[in-house]
Amino acid sequence: MDLSTTGEPAIVQEDTEVRVGLDLRPGTLTLTRNGKDFAAYHALVQFASVSANPWAAQEVKFSATGPDAKSVALTVDLLNDTYEGPRAGVPAAIWKVAALAATSAGDVGITYAPPGRA
C-alpha cells in the first residue's frame, strides 16, 4: 500500500453526535412489532450532546430479519417527545443495547447510565 499520513486524528468534545454500531449475536434479541417477530442482527446507537450537556442515547436503529426472511430496519426513539428524558415503555433489552454501545464509545468521553440508575 502506498499511503502516508501527517498529524494525529482526534475527536473533540465539541462533537455533538456519535453513532456506534454493534453486531448482535444471532438469536439473542427478538423485536416484536404488530405481532410480528424480527431477529435483530445489528444495532446503530446514536448519542448526542447539546450545549456541553451530558451525552444521551437518543435512538437505536436495528437491522433485523423479518418473518419472511427479508431484512428490515426498525428505529426506536429513546428520548421522550420533549427530549428531556427517557421515553416511557422502552424495553430493558433496548437500554442494554444502548449501554453496550456507550461502553464501546467511552473513548470519546461518553458516560452513560440507563434510566433510573444515574
Protein backbone atom coordinates (compact mmCIF):
# COMPACT_ATOMS: atom_id res chain seq x y z
CA MET A 1 0.00 0.00 0.00
CA ASP A 2 1.40 3.38 -0.98
CA LEU A 3 -0.01 5.69 1.69
CA SER A 4 1.39 8.27 4.07
CA THR A 5 -0.08 10.47 6.79
CA THR A 6 0.69 13.52 8.85
CA GLY A 7 -0.92 14.59 12.11
CA GLU A 8 -2.75 12.61 14.75
CA PRO A 9 -6.52 12.14 14.41
CA ALA A 10 -8.56 13.27 17.40
CA ILE A 11 -12.21 13.53 18.32
CA VAL A 12 -13.08 16.72 20.13
CA GLN A 13 -15.64 17.07 22.90
CA GLU A 14 -17.47 19.69 20.83
CA ASP A 15 -18.74 16.90 18.61
CA THR A 16 -22.49 16.82 19.16
CA GLU A 17 -23.27 13.41 17.73
CA VAL A 18 -21.69 9.97 17.85
CA ARG A 19 -23.01 6.76 16.28
CA VAL A 20 -21.84 3.39 17.49
CA GLY A 21 -22.59 0.18 15.62
CA LEU A 22 -22.89 -3.20 17.31
CA ASP A 23 -23.13 -6.60 15.67
CA LEU A 24 -25.56 -8.66 17.74
CA ARG A 25 -25.14 -12.39 18.20
CA PRO A 26 -27.82 -14.12 16.10
CA GLY A 27 -30.82 -15.26 18.10
CA THR A 28 -30.12 -13.11 21.16
CA LEU A 29 -32.62 -10.28 20.56
CA THR A 30 -36.08 -10.51 19.04
CA LEU A 31 -38.08 -7.35 18.41
CA THR A 32 -41.86 -7.66 18.11
CA ARG A 33 -43.93 -5.11 16.20
CA ASN A 34 -47.61 -5.51 15.39
CA GLY A 35 -47.45 -9.16 16.43
CA LYS A 36 -44.56 -9.98 14.08
CA ASP A 37 -41.14 -11.07 15.34
CA PHE A 38 -37.92 -9.65 13.93
CA ALA A 39 -34.50 -11.16 14.68
CA ALA A 40 -32.09 -8.26 15.27
CA TYR A 41 -28.53 -8.71 14.00
CA HIS A 42 -27.14 -5.15 14.10
CA ALA A 43 -27.80 -2.01 16.14
CA LEU A 44 -26.67 1.55 15.42
CA VAL A 45 -26.98 3.71 18.55
CA GLN A 46 -26.95 7.48 18.16
CA PHE A 47 -25.69 9.57 21.08
CA ALA A 48 -25.98 13.36 21.24
CA SER A 49 -24.68 16.15 23.43
CA VAL A 50 -26.03 19.66 23.06
CA SER A 51 -24.51 22.78 24.62
CA ALA A 52 -21.99 20.80 26.69
CA ASN A 53 -24.78 18.78 28.32
CA PRO A 54 -24.11 15.12 29.22
CA TRP A 55 -24.24 12.63 26.37
CA ALA A 56 -27.56 10.86 25.91
CA ALA A 57 -28.59 7.90 23.78
CA GLN A 58 -31.32 9.28 21.57
CA GLU A 59 -32.17 6.44 19.18
CA VAL A 60 -31.32 2.91 18.13
CA LYS A 61 -31.67 1.73 14.54
CA PHE A 62 -31.90 -2.04 14.34
CA SER A 63 -31.23 -4.15 11.27
CA ALA A 64 -33.30 -7.28 11.57
CA THR A 65 -34.65 -10.23 9.64
CA GLY A 66 -38.43 -10.40 9.44
CA PRO A 67 -40.73 -13.41 9.39
CA ASP A 68 -40.44 -13.51 5.59
CA ALA A 69 -36.61 -13.70 5.89
CA LYS A 70 -36.21 -10.19 4.40
CA SER A 71 -34.06 -7.56 6.08
CA VAL A 72 -35.82 -4.58 7.64
CA ALA A 73 -34.79 -1.53 9.62
CA LEU A 74 -36.56 -0.66 12.88
CA THR A 75 -35.92 2.61 14.74
CA VAL A 76 -36.56 3.09 18.45
CA ASP A 77 -36.62 6.66 19.79
CA LEU A 78 -35.12 6.67 23.28
CA LEU A 79 -35.92 10.23 24.33
CA ASN A 80 -39.39 11.49 25.19
CA ASP A 81 -41.19 13.97 22.94
CA THR A 82 -39.71 16.98 24.78
CA TYR A 83 -36.16 15.50 24.62
CA GLU A 84 -35.82 15.99 28.37
CA GLY A 85 -35.61 12.38 29.47
CA PRO A 86 -36.06 8.74 28.54
CA ARG A 87 -39.13 7.60 26.63
CA ALA A 88 -41.52 5.55 28.76
CA GLY A 89 -42.10 1.93 27.81
CA VAL A 90 -38.76 1.21 26.12
CA PRO A 91 -37.90 -2.43 26.93
CA ALA A 92 -34.92 -3.06 29.21
CA ALA A 93 -33.11 -5.06 26.50
CA ILE A 94 -33.01 -1.98 24.24
CA TRP A 95 -31.50 0.09 27.08
CA LYS A 96 -28.91 -2.67 27.44
CA VAL A 97 -28.01 -2.27 23.76
CA ALA A 98 -27.54 1.48 24.39
CA ALA A 99 -25.35 0.76 27.43
CA LEU A 100 -23.21 -1.70 25.43
CA ALA A 101 -22.74 0.92 22.71
CA ALA A 102 -21.84 3.55 25.32
CA THR A 103 -19.15 1.24 26.66
CA SER A 104 -17.73 0.99 23.14
CA ALA A 105 -17.85 4.79 22.77
CA GLY A 106 -16.07 5.52 26.06
CA ASP A 107 -13.03 6.87 24.24
CA VAL A 108 -14.93 9.96 23.11
CA GLY A 109 -15.94 10.84 26.64
CA ILE A 110 -19.43 9.38 26.68
CA THR A 111 -20.62 8.44 30.13
CA TYR A 112 -23.97 6.75 30.35
CA ALA A 113 -26.33 5.19 32.86
CA PRO A 114 -29.63 3.54 31.92
CA PRO A 115 -32.73 5.39 33.18
CA GLY A 116 -33.21 5.01 36.92
CA ARG A 117 -29.55 4.22 37.55
CA ALA A 118 -27.92 7.62 37.21
